[in-house]
PDB file of N, CA and C in Angstrom:
ATOM      1  N   MET A   1     -29.903  28.103  45.985  1.00  0.00           N
ATOM      2  CA  MET A   1     -29.882  27.803  44.584  1.00  0.00           C
ATOM      3  C   MET A   1     -29.024  28.808  43.837  1.00  0.00           C
ATOM      4  N   ALA A   2     -28.535  28.333  42.660  1.00  0.00           N
ATOM      5  CA  ALA A   2     -27.651  29.183  41.872  1.00  0.00           C
ATOM      6  C   ALA A   2     -28.459  30.193  41.081  1.00  0.00           C
ATOM      7  N   ASN A   3     -27.851  31.278  40.849  1.00  0.00           N
ATOM      8  CA  ASN A   3     -28.466  32.341  40.069  1.00  0.00           C
ATOM      9  C   ASN A   3     -28.592  31.879  38.618  1.00  0.00           C
ATOM     10  N   PRO A   4     -29.813  31.903  38.030  1.00  0.00           N
ATOM     11  CA  PRO A   4     -29.992  31.438  36.650  1.00  0.00           C
ATOM     12  C   PRO A   4     -29.190  32.255  35.635  1.00  0.00           C
ATOM     13  N   GLN A   5     -29.026  33.516  35.879  1.00  0.00           N
ATOM     14  CA  GLN A   5     -28.248  34.342  34.942  1.00  0.00           C
ATOM     15  C   GLN A   5     -26.769  33.959  34.982  1.00  0.00           C
ATOM     16  N   ALA A   6     -26.257  33.592  36.133  1.00  0.00           N
ATOM     17  CA  ALA A   6     -24.854  33.180  36.254  1.00  0.00           C
ATOM     18  C   ALA A   6     -24.630  31.832  35.573  1.00  0.00           C
ATOM     19  N   VAL A   7     -25.606  30.930  35.745  1.00  0.00           N
ATOM     20  CA  VAL A   7     -25.505  29.612  35.090  1.00  0.00           C
ATOM     21  C   VAL A   7     -25.528  29.795  33.575  1.00  0.00           C
ATOM     22  N   ARG A   8     -26.442  30.659  33.123  1.00  0.00           N
ATOM     23  CA  ARG A   8     -26.545  30.916  31.676  1.00  0.00           C
ATOM     24  C   ARG A   8     -25.246  31.532  31.152  1.00  0.00           C
ATOM     25  N   ALA A   9     -24.664  32.453  31.859  1.00  0.00           N
ATOM     26  CA  ALA A   9     -23.411  33.095  31.440  1.00  0.00           C
ATOM     27  C   ALA A   9     -22.280  32.069  31.389  1.00  0.00           C
ATOM     28  N   ASN A  10     -22.244  31.161  32.368  1.00  0.00           N
ATOM     29  CA  ASN A  10     -21.227  30.098  32.360  1.00  0.00           C
ATOM     30  C   ASN A  10     -21.406  29.163  31.161  1.00  0.00           C
ATOM     31  N   LEU A  11     -22.667  28.827  30.845  1.00  0.00           N
ATOM     32  CA  LEU A  11     -22.942  27.956  29.691  1.00  0.00           C
ATOM     33  C   LEU A  11     -22.549  28.637  28.380  1.00  0.00           C
ATOM     34  N   VAL A  12     -22.832  29.898  28.239  1.00  0.00           N
ATOM     35  CA  VAL A  12     -22.467  30.652  27.029  1.00  0.00           C
ATOM     36  C   VAL A  12     -20.949  30.709  26.893  1.00  0.00           C
ATOM     37  N   ALA A  13     -20.257  30.966  27.984  1.00  0.00           N
ATOM     38  CA  ALA A  13     -18.789  31.025  27.949  1.00  0.00           C
ATOM     39  C   ALA A  13     -18.201  29.653  27.606  1.00  0.00           C
ATOM     40  N   PHE A  14     -18.788  28.596  28.222  1.00  0.00           N
ATOM     41  CA  PHE A  14     -18.317  27.240  27.935  1.00  0.00           C
ATOM     42  C   PHE A  14     -18.558  26.876  26.468  1.00  0.00           C
ATOM     43  N   ASN A  15     -19.719  27.236  25.942  1.00  0.00           N
ATOM     44  CA  ASN A  15     -20.068  26.968  24.546  1.00  0.00           C
ATOM     45  C   ASN A  15     -19.099  27.692  23.609  1.00  0.00           C
ATOM     46  N   LYS A  16     -18.808  28.938  23.926  1.00  0.00           N
ATOM     47  CA  LYS A  16     -17.875  29.729  23.104  1.00  0.00           C
ATOM     48  C   LYS A  16     -16.477  29.108  23.141  1.00  0.00           C
ATOM     49  N   GLU A  17     -16.039  28.692  24.323  1.00  0.00           N
ATOM     50  CA  GLU A  17     -14.729  28.058  24.474  1.00  0.00           C
ATOM     51  C   GLU A  17     -14.652  26.749  23.677  1.00  0.00           C
ATOM     52  N   CYS A  18     -15.732  25.963  23.721  1.00  0.00           N
ATOM     53  CA  CYS A  18     -15.764  24.699  22.967  1.00  0.00           C
ATOM     54  C   CYS A  18     -15.693  24.953  21.460  1.00  0.00           C
ATOM     55  N   LYS A  19     -16.430  25.956  20.989  1.00  0.00           N
ATOM     56  CA  LYS A  19     -16.411  26.278  19.559  1.00  0.00           C
ATOM     57  C   LYS A  19     -15.012  26.701  19.113  1.00  0.00           C
ATOM     58  N   GLU A  20     -14.334  27.527  19.916  1.00  0.00           N
ATOM     59  CA  GLU A  20     -12.984  27.970  19.574  1.00  0.00           C
ATOM     60  C   GLU A  20     -12.010  26.792  19.569  1.00  0.00           C
ATOM     61  N   LYS A  21     -12.181  25.905  20.560  1.00  0.00           N
ATOM     62  CA  LYS A  21     -11.307  24.735  20.626  1.00  0.00           C
ATOM     63  C   LYS A  21     -11.533  23.829  19.415  1.00  0.00           C
ATOM     64  N   MET A  22     -12.799  23.660  19.021  1.00  0.00           N
ATOM     65  CA  MET A  22     -13.109  22.835  17.848  1.00  0.00           C
ATOM     66  C   MET A  22     -12.535  23.469  16.581  1.00  0.00           C
ATOM     67  N   LYS A  23     -12.591  24.805  16.485  1.00  0.00           N
ATOM     68  CA  LYS A  23     -12.016  25.495  15.332  1.00  0.00           C
ATOM     69  C   LYS A  23     -10.504  25.266  15.272  1.00  0.00           C
ATOM     70  N   LYS A  24      -9.848  25.376  16.438  1.00  0.00           N
ATOM     71  CA  LYS A  24      -8.399  25.166  16.486  1.00  0.00           C
ATOM     72  C   LYS A  24      -8.044  23.730  16.109  1.00  0.00           C
ATOM     73  N   GLU A  25      -8.803  22.765  16.647  1.00  0.00           N
ATOM     74  CA  GLU A  25      -8.539  21.359  16.325  1.00  0.00           C
ATOM     75  C   GLU A  25      -8.782  21.084  14.849  1.00  0.00           C
ATOM     76  N   SER A  26      -9.841  21.679  14.310  1.00  0.00           N
ATOM     77  CA  SER A  26     -10.141  21.513  12.890  1.00  0.00           C
ATOM     78  C   SER A  26      -9.032  22.127  12.032  1.00  0.00           C
ATOM     79  N   ALA A  27      -8.583  23.313  12.416  1.00  0.00           N
ATOM     80  CA  ALA A  27      -7.503  23.971  11.676  1.00  0.00           C
ATOM     81  C   ALA A  27      -6.215  23.162  11.778  1.00  0.00           C
ATOM     82  N   LEU A  28      -5.933  22.630  12.966  1.00  0.00           N
ATOM     83  CA  LEU A  28      -4.736  21.814  13.151  1.00  0.00           C
ATOM     84  C   LEU A  28      -4.798  20.546  12.301  1.00  0.00           C
ATOM     85  N   GLU A  29      -5.960  19.902  12.277  1.00  0.00           N
ATOM     86  CA  GLU A  29      -6.129  18.693  11.458  1.00  0.00           C
ATOM     87  C   GLU A  29      -5.962  19.018   9.974  1.00  0.00           C
ATOM     88  N   MET A  30      -6.513  20.155   9.550  1.00  0.00           N
ATOM     89  CA  MET A  30      -6.382  20.568   8.159  1.00  0.00           C
ATOM     90  C   MET A  30      -4.912  20.822   7.811  1.00  0.00           C
ATOM     91  N   LEU A  31      -4.183  21.476   8.709  1.00  0.00           N
ATOM     92  CA  LEU A  31      -2.762  21.733   8.469  1.00  0.00           C
ATOM     93  C   LEU A  31      -1.959  20.430   8.418  1.00  0.00           C
ATOM     94  N   GLU A  32      -2.300  19.481   9.293  1.00  0.00           N
ATOM     95  CA  GLU A  32      -1.620  18.182   9.265  1.00  0.00           C
ATOM     96  C   GLU A  32      -1.867  17.473   7.941  1.00  0.00           C
ATOM     97  N   ASN A  33      -3.105  17.542   7.437  1.00  0.00           N
ATOM     98  CA  ASN A  33      -3.421  16.927   6.145  1.00  0.00           C
ATOM     99  C   ASN A  33      -2.655  17.606   5.014  1.00  0.00           C
ATOM    100  N   LYS A  34      -2.590  18.938   5.056  1.00  0.00           N
ATOM    101  CA  LYS A  34      -1.845  19.664   4.022  1.00  0.00           C
ATOM    102  C   LYS A  34      -0.358  19.315   4.074  1.00  0.00           C
ATOM    103  N   LEU A  35       0.180  19.173   5.285  1.00  0.00           N
ATOM    104  CA  LEU A  35       1.584  18.799   5.434  1.00  0.00           C
ATOM    105  C   LEU A  35       1.829  17.404   4.868  1.00  0.00           C
ATOM    106  N   ALA A  36       0.926  16.476   5.138  1.00  0.00           N
ATOM    107  CA  ALA A  36       1.067  15.115   4.611  1.00  0.00           C
ATOM    108  C   ALA A  36       1.034  15.118   3.086  1.00  0.00           C
ATOM    109  N   VAL A  37       0.132  15.902   2.503  1.00  0.00           N
ATOM    110  CA  VAL A  37       0.052  16.002   1.041  1.00  0.00           C
ATOM    111  C   VAL A  37       1.326  16.629   0.490  1.00  0.00           C
ATOM    112  N   PHE A  38       1.821  17.680   1.139  1.00  0.00           N
ATOM    113  CA  PHE A  38       3.053  18.343   0.700  1.00  0.00           C
ATOM    114  C   PHE A  38       4.237  17.375   0.728  1.00  0.00           C
ATOM    115  N   GLU A  39       4.367  16.621   1.828  1.00  0.00           N
ATOM    116  CA  GLU A  39       5.469  15.660   1.937  1.00  0.00           C
ATOM    117  C   GLU A  39       5.363  14.581   0.871  1.00  0.00           C
ATOM    118  N   LEU A  40       4.155  14.119   0.587  1.00  0.00           N
ATOM    119  CA  LEU A  40       3.957  13.118  -0.463  1.00  0.00           C
ATOM    120  C   LEU A  40       4.331  13.688  -1.830  1.00  0.00           C
ATOM    121  N   GLU A  41       3.921  14.922  -2.100  1.00  0.00           N
ATOM    122  CA  GLU A  41       4.274  15.568  -3.369  1.00  0.00           C
ATOM    123  C   GLU A  41       5.786  15.719  -3.503  1.00  0.00           C
ATOM    124  N   GLN A  42       6.459  16.085  -2.417  1.00  0.00           N
ATOM    125  CA  GLN A  42       7.915  16.228  -2.451  1.00  0.00           C
ATOM    126  C   GLN A  42       8.585  14.889  -2.732  1.00  0.00           C
ATOM    127  N   HIS A  43       8.097  13.832  -2.096  1.00  0.00           N
ATOM    128  CA  HIS A  43       8.657  12.491  -2.296  1.00  0.00           C
ATOM    129  C   HIS A  43       8.487  12.059  -3.755  1.00  0.00           C
ATOM    130  N   ILE A  44       7.292  12.270  -4.291  1.00  0.00           N
ATOM    131  CA  ILE A  44       7.032  11.908  -5.689  1.00  0.00           C
ATOM    132  C   ILE A  44       7.898  12.754  -6.612  1.00  0.00           C
ATOM    133  N   SER A  45       8.031  14.032  -6.315  1.00  0.00           N
ATOM    134  CA  SER A  45       8.844  14.929  -7.141  1.00  0.00           C
ATOM    135  C   SER A  45      10.297  14.478  -7.175  1.00  0.00           C
ATOM    136  N   ARG A  46      10.835  14.055  -6.017  1.00  0.00           N
ATOM    137  CA  ARG A  46      12.221  13.572  -5.986  1.00  0.00           C
ATOM    138  C   ARG A  46      12.368  12.319  -6.839  1.00  0.00           C
ATOM    139  N   LYS A  47      11.395  11.429  -6.780  1.00  0.00           N
ATOM    140  CA  LYS A  47      11.449  10.205  -7.587  1.00  0.00           C
ATOM    141  C   LYS A  47      11.383  10.545  -9.068  1.00  0.00           C
ATOM    142  N   ILE A  48      10.517  11.485  -9.430  1.00  0.00           N
ATOM    143  CA  ILE A  48      10.391  11.886 -10.834  1.00  0.00           C
ATOM    144  C   ILE A  48      11.680  12.545 -11.301  1.00  0.00           C
ATOM    145  N   ASN A  49      12.272  13.407 -10.481  1.00  0.00           N
ATOM    146  CA  ASN A  49      13.526  14.056 -10.851  1.00  0.00           C
ATOM    147  C   ASN A  49      14.629  13.029 -11.047  1.00  0.00           C
ATOM    148  N   LYS A  50      14.659  12.011 -10.200  1.00  0.00           N
ATOM    149  CA  LYS A  50      15.671  10.969 -10.330  1.00  0.00           C
ATOM    150  C   LYS A  50      15.496  10.237 -11.660  1.00  0.00           C
ATOM    151  N   VAL A  51      14.259   9.928 -12.026  1.00  0.00           N
ATOM    152  CA  VAL A  51      13.992   9.256 -13.300  1.00  0.00           C
ATOM    153  C   VAL A  51      14.353  10.175 -14.453  1.00  0.00           C
ATOM    154  N   ASP A  52      13.989  11.464 -14.360  1.00  0.00           N
ATOM    155  CA  ASP A  52      14.331  12.417 -15.419  1.00  0.00           C
ATOM    156  C   ASP A  52      15.840  12.504 -15.605  1.00  0.00           C
ATOM    157  N   CYS A  53      16.592  12.511 -14.507  1.00  0.00           N
ATOM    158  CA  CYS A  53      18.050  12.576 -14.603  1.00  0.00           C
ATOM    159  C   CYS A  53      18.588  11.342 -15.309  1.00  0.00           C
ATOM    160  N   LEU A  54      18.073  10.180 -14.977  1.00  0.00           N
ATOM    161  CA  LEU A  54      18.528   8.954 -15.630  1.00  0.00           C
ATOM    162  C   LEU A  54      18.211   8.992 -17.113  1.00  0.00           C
ATOM    163  N   GLU A  55      17.002   9.449 -17.465  1.00  0.00           N
ATOM    164  CA  GLU A  55      16.635   9.532 -18.874  1.00  0.00           C
ATOM    165  C   GLU A  55      17.536  10.519 -19.606  1.00  0.00           C
ATOM    166  N   GLU A  56      17.858  11.651 -18.995  1.00  0.00           N
ATOM    167  CA  GLU A  56      18.713  12.642 -19.641  1.00  0.00           C
ATOM    168  C   GLU A  56      20.112  12.084 -19.859  1.00  0.00           C
ATOM    169  N   GLU A  57      20.655  11.317 -18.903  1.00  0.00           N
ATOM    170  CA  GLU A  57      21.979  10.730 -19.063  1.00  0.00           C
ATOM    171  C   GLU A  57      21.987   9.756 -20.228  1.00  0.00           C
ATOM    172  N   VAL A  58      20.958   8.948 -20.353  1.00  0.00           N
ATOM    173  CA  VAL A  58      20.883   7.983 -21.449  1.00  0.00           C
ATOM    174  C   VAL A  58      20.783   8.716 -22.772  1.00  0.00           C
ATOM    175  N   MET A  59      19.943   9.743 -22.828  1.00  0.00           N
ATOM    176  CA  MET A  59      19.793  10.487 -24.070  1.00  0.00           C
ATOM    177  C   MET A  59      21.103  11.169 -24.445  1.00  0.00           C
ATOM    178  N   THR A  60      21.820  11.718 -23.496  1.00  0.00           N
ATOM    179  CA  THR A  60      23.087  12.380 -23.769  1.00  0.00           C
ATOM    180  C   THR A  60      24.102  11.380 -24.289  1.00  0.00           C
ATOM    181  N   LYS A  61      24.179  10.199 -23.705  1.00  0.00           N
ATOM    182  CA  LYS A  61      25.121   9.183 -24.152  1.00  0.00           C
ATOM    183  C   LYS A  61      24.791   8.745 -25.572  1.00  0.00           C
ATOM    184  N   ASN A  62      23.506   8.522 -25.852  1.00  0.00           N
ATOM    185  CA  ASN A  62      23.118   8.133 -27.204  1.00  0.00           C
ATOM    186  C   ASN A  62      23.482   9.224 -28.200  1.00  0.00           C
ATOM    187  N   LEU A  63      23.279  10.460 -27.836  1.00  0.00           N
ATOM    188  CA  LEU A  63      23.624  11.566 -28.717  1.00  0.00           C
ATOM    189  C   LEU A  63      25.129  11.598 -28.953  1.00  0.00           C
ATOM    190  N   ASP A  64      25.924  11.418 -27.904  1.00  0.00           N
ATOM    191  CA  ASP A  64      27.371  11.414 -28.056  1.00  0.00           C
ATOM    192  C   ASP A  64      27.825  10.274 -28.959  1.00  0.00           C
ATOM    193  N   ASP A  65      27.244   9.098 -28.816  1.00  0.00           N
ATOM    194  CA  ASP A  65      27.596   7.974 -29.673  1.00  0.00           C
ATOM    195  C   ASP A  65      27.237   8.266 -31.124  1.00  0.00           C
ATOM    196  N   ASP A  66      26.065   8.863 -31.335  1.00  0.00           N
ATOM    197  CA  ASP A  66      25.654   9.202 -32.697  1.00  0.00           C
ATOM    198  C   ASP A  66      26.592  10.235 -33.308  1.00  0.00           C
ATOM    199  N   VAL A  67      26.948  11.248 -32.542  1.00  0.00           N
ATOM    200  CA  VAL A  67      27.845  12.291 -33.044  1.00  0.00           C
ATOM    201  C   VAL A  67      29.216  11.700 -33.342  1.00  0.00           C
ATOM    202  N   MET A  68      29.725  10.868 -32.445  1.00  0.00           N
ATOM    203  CA  MET A  68      31.033  10.255 -32.675  1.00  0.00           C
ATOM    204  C   MET A  68      31.005   9.363 -33.913  1.00  0.00           C
ATOM    205  N   GLY A  69      29.910   8.672 -34.143  1.00  0.00           N
ATOM    206  CA  GLY A  69      29.798   7.824 -35.325  1.00  0.00           C
ATOM    207  C   GLY A  69      29.819   8.642 -36.603  1.00  0.00           C
ATOM    208  N   ILE A  70      29.247   9.837 -36.564  1.00  0.00           N
ATOM    209  CA  ILE A  70      29.217  10.697 -37.749  1.00  0.00           C
ATOM    210  C   ILE A  70      30.555  11.396 -37.936  1.00  0.00           C
ATOM    211  N   VAL A  71      31.141  11.887 -36.871  1.00  0.00           N
ATOM    212  CA  VAL A  71      32.362  12.679 -36.969  1.00  0.00           C
ATOM    213  C   VAL A  71      33.570  11.808 -37.283  1.00  0.00           C
ATOM    214  N   LYS A  72      33.709  10.658 -36.614  1.00  0.00           N
ATOM    215  CA  LYS A  72      34.886   9.820 -36.785  1.00  0.00           C
ATOM    216  C   LYS A  72      34.483   8.364 -37.037  1.00  0.00           C
ATOM    217  N   PRO A  73      33.937   8.050 -38.204  1.00  0.00           N
ATOM    218  CA  PRO A  73      33.518   6.663 -38.425  1.00  0.00           C
ATOM    219  C   PRO A  73      34.699   5.698 -38.459  1.00  0.00           C
ATOM    220  N   GLY A  74      35.842   6.110 -38.998  1.00  0.00           N
ATOM    221  CA  GLY A  74      37.010   5.233 -39.049  1.00  0.00           C
ATOM    222  C   GLY A  74      37.533   4.919 -37.669  1.00  0.00           C
ATOM    223  N   HIS A  75      37.512   5.900 -36.789  1.00  0.00           N
ATOM    224  CA  HIS A  75      37.994   5.707 -35.421  1.00  0.00           C
ATOM    225  C   HIS A  75      37.118   4.698 -34.695  1.00  0.00           C
ATOM    226  N   ALA A  76      35.821   4.812 -34.862  1.00  0.00           N
ATOM    227  CA  ALA A  76      34.904   3.892 -34.190  1.00  0.00           C
ATOM    228  C   ALA A  76      35.104   2.476 -34.717  1.00  0.00           C
ATOM    229  N   GLN A  77      35.348   2.330 -36.007  1.00  0.00           N
ATOM    230  CA  GLN A  77      35.559   0.996 -36.570  1.00  0.00           C
ATOM    231  C   GLN A  77      36.900   0.427 -36.120  1.00  0.00           C
ATOM    232  N   ALA A  78      37.906   1.269 -35.994  1.00  0.00           N
ATOM    233  CA  ALA A  78      39.223   0.784 -35.583  1.00  0.00           C
ATOM    234  C   ALA A  78      39.199   0.284 -34.147  1.00  0.00           C
ATOM    235  N   GLN A  79      38.300   0.784 -33.347  1.00  0.00           N
ATOM    236  CA  GLN A  79      38.211   0.345 -31.964  1.00  0.00           C
ATOM    237  C   GLN A  79      37.502  -1.000 -31.835  1.00  0.00           C
ATOM    238  N   ASP A  80      36.850  -1.462 -32.875  1.00  0.00           N
ATOM    239  CA  ASP A  80      36.132  -2.732 -32.836  1.00  0.00           C
ATOM    240  C   ASP A  80      37.136  -3.863 -33.022  1.00  0.00           C
ATOM    241  N   PRO A  81      37.306  -4.763 -32.051  1.00  0.00           N
ATOM    242  CA  PRO A  81      38.313  -5.819 -32.172  1.00  0.00           C
ATOM    243  C   PRO A  81      38.029  -6.785 -33.319  1.00  0.00           C
ATOM    244  N   LEU A  82      36.796  -6.922 -33.733  1.00  0.00           N
ATOM    245  CA  LEU A  82      36.481  -7.840 -34.826  1.00  0.00           C
ATOM    246  C   LEU A  82      37.001  -7.328 -36.165  1.00  0.00           C
ATOM    247  N   VAL A  83      37.164  -6.025 -36.299  1.00  0.00           N
ATOM    248  CA  VAL A  83      37.669  -5.453 -37.540  1.00  0.00           C
ATOM    249  C   VAL A  83      39.147  -5.796 -37.713  1.00  0.00           C
ATOM    250  N   LYS A  84      39.894  -5.942 -36.635  1.00  0.00           N
ATOM    251  CA  LYS A  84      41.332  -6.156 -36.687  1.00  0.00           C
ATOM    252  C   LYS A  84      41.707  -7.617 -36.951  1.00  0.00           C
ATOM    253  N   ILE A  85      40.777  -8.534 -36.801  1.00  0.00           N
ATOM    254  CA  ILE A  85      41.107  -9.960 -36.914  1.00  0.00           C
ATOM    255  C   ILE A  85      40.824 -10.455 -38.318  1.00  0.00           C
ATOM    256  N   ASN A  86      41.812 -11.102 -38.920  1.00  0.00           N
ATOM    257  CA  ASN A  86      41.610 -11.784 -40.191  1.00  0.00           C
ATOM    258  C   ASN A  86      41.244 -13.228 -39.885  1.00  0.00           C
ATOM    259  N   ILE A  87      40.181 -13.692 -40.450  1.00  0.00           N
ATOM    260  CA  ILE A  87      39.731 -15.052 -40.158  1.00  0.00           C
ATOM    261  C   ILE A  87      40.413 -16.000 -41.137  1.00  0.00           C
ATOM    262  N   GLY A  88      41.117 -17.001 -40.589  1.00  0.00           N
ATOM    263  CA  GLY A  88      41.815 -17.990 -41.417  1.00  0.00           C
ATOM    264  C   GLY A  88      40.895 -19.130 -41.808  1.00  0.00           C
ATOM    265  N   ASP A  89      41.505 -20.202 -42.318  1.00  0.00           N
ATOM    266  CA  ASP A  89      40.715 -21.355 -42.745  1.00  0.00           C
ATOM    267  C   ASP A  89      40.430 -22.317 -41.601  1.00  0.00           C
ATOM    268  N   GLY A  90      40.854 -22.020 -40.388  1.00  0.00           N
ATOM    269  CA  GLY A  90      40.542 -22.831 -39.224  1.00  0.00           C
ATOM    270  C   GLY A  90      41.584 -23.897 -38.938  1.00  0.00           C
ATOM    271  N   ARG A  91      42.602 -24.078 -39.778  1.00  0.00           N
ATOM    272  CA  ARG A  91      43.633 -25.092 -39.556  1.00  0.00           C
ATOM    273  C   ARG A  91      44.778 -24.549 -38.720  1.00  0.00           C
ATOM    274  N   GLU A  92      44.824 -23.279 -38.527  1.00  0.00           N
ATOM    275  CA  GLU A  92      45.965 -22.675 -37.850  1.00  0.00           C
ATOM    276  C   GLU A  92      45.548 -22.074 -36.519  1.00  0.00           C
ATOM    277  N   ASP A  93      46.503 -22.013 -35.591  1.00  0.00           N
ATOM    278  CA  ASP A  93      46.239 -21.358 -34.314  1.00  0.00           C
ATOM    279  C   ASP A  93      46.181 -19.847 -34.484  1.00  0.00           C
ATOM    280  N   HIS A  94      46.998 -19.326 -35.372  1.00  0.00           N
ATOM    281  CA  HIS A  94      47.051 -17.888 -35.612  1.00  0.00           C
ATOM    282  C   HIS A  94      46.567 -17.625 -37.025  1.00  0.00           C
ATOM    283  N   PRO A  95      45.392 -17.069 -37.190  1.00  0.00           N
ATOM    284  CA  PRO A  95      44.850 -16.879 -38.531  1.00  0.00           C
ATOM    285  C   PRO A  95      45.651 -15.903 -39.386  1.00  0.00           C
ATOM    286  N   ASN A  96      46.479 -15.048 -38.789  1.00  0.00           N
ATOM    287  CA  ASN A  96      47.253 -14.084 -39.567  1.00  0.00           C
ATOM    288  C   ASN A  96      48.532 -14.697 -40.137  1.00  0.00           C
ATOM    289  N   ILE A  97      48.967 -15.839 -39.638  1.00  0.00           N
ATOM    290  CA  ILE A  97      50.203 -16.473 -40.098  1.00  0.00           C
ATOM    291  C   ILE A  97      49.828 -17.678 -40.958  1.00  0.00           C
ATOM    292  N   HIS A  98      50.256 -17.673 -42.210  1.00  0.00           N
ATOM    293  CA  HIS A  98      49.974 -18.793 -43.117  1.00  0.00           C
ATOM    294  C   HIS A  98      51.165 -19.747 -43.115  1.00  0.00           C
ATOM    295  N   GLN A  99      50.916 -21.015 -43.446  1.00  0.00           N
ATOM    296  CA  GLN A  99      51.986 -22.013 -43.439  1.00  0.00           C
ATOM    297  C   GLN A  99      53.047 -21.690 -44.478  1.00  0.00           C
ATOM    298  N   SER A 100      52.642 -21.089 -45.567  1.00  0.00           N
ATOM    299  CA  SER A 100      53.623 -20.762 -46.595  1.00  0.00           C
ATOM    300  C   SER A 100      54.578 -19.670 -46.121  1.00  0.00           C
ATOM    301  N   ASP A 101      54.141 -18.828 -45.175  1.00  0.00           N
ATOM    302  CA  ASP A 101      54.994 -17.767 -44.646  1.00  0.00           C
ATOM    303  C   ASP A 101      55.973 -18.303 -43.614  1.00  0.00           C
ATOM    304  N   ALA A 102      55.656 -19.420 -42.978  1.00  0.00           N
ATOM    305  CA  ALA A 102      56.474 -19.935 -41.888  1.00  0.00           C
ATOM    306  C   ALA A 102      57.750 -20.546 -42.349  1.00  0.00           C
TER     307      ALA A 102
END
């Protein structure tokens, strides 16, 4: 028969080894969960930054349009093709040329 003290020592060593292995597995699982959360946060952060960049570009363009409208109102109006066209009475192909001028 086996020595009871040797069996007990083997059981204690096995129990200690199992506890350490469970601690390592638990720590590894916790690290994997933290990594998954970190990767998700990074993905969300990139999406938010992309949206922020788009919003900033729109705001900058609107600001530039507003400033240009204040600084050079005549220039902005001259660029509008509707300002350059004289509307005739609809009988002529070219509204700027009148029959009396021809």
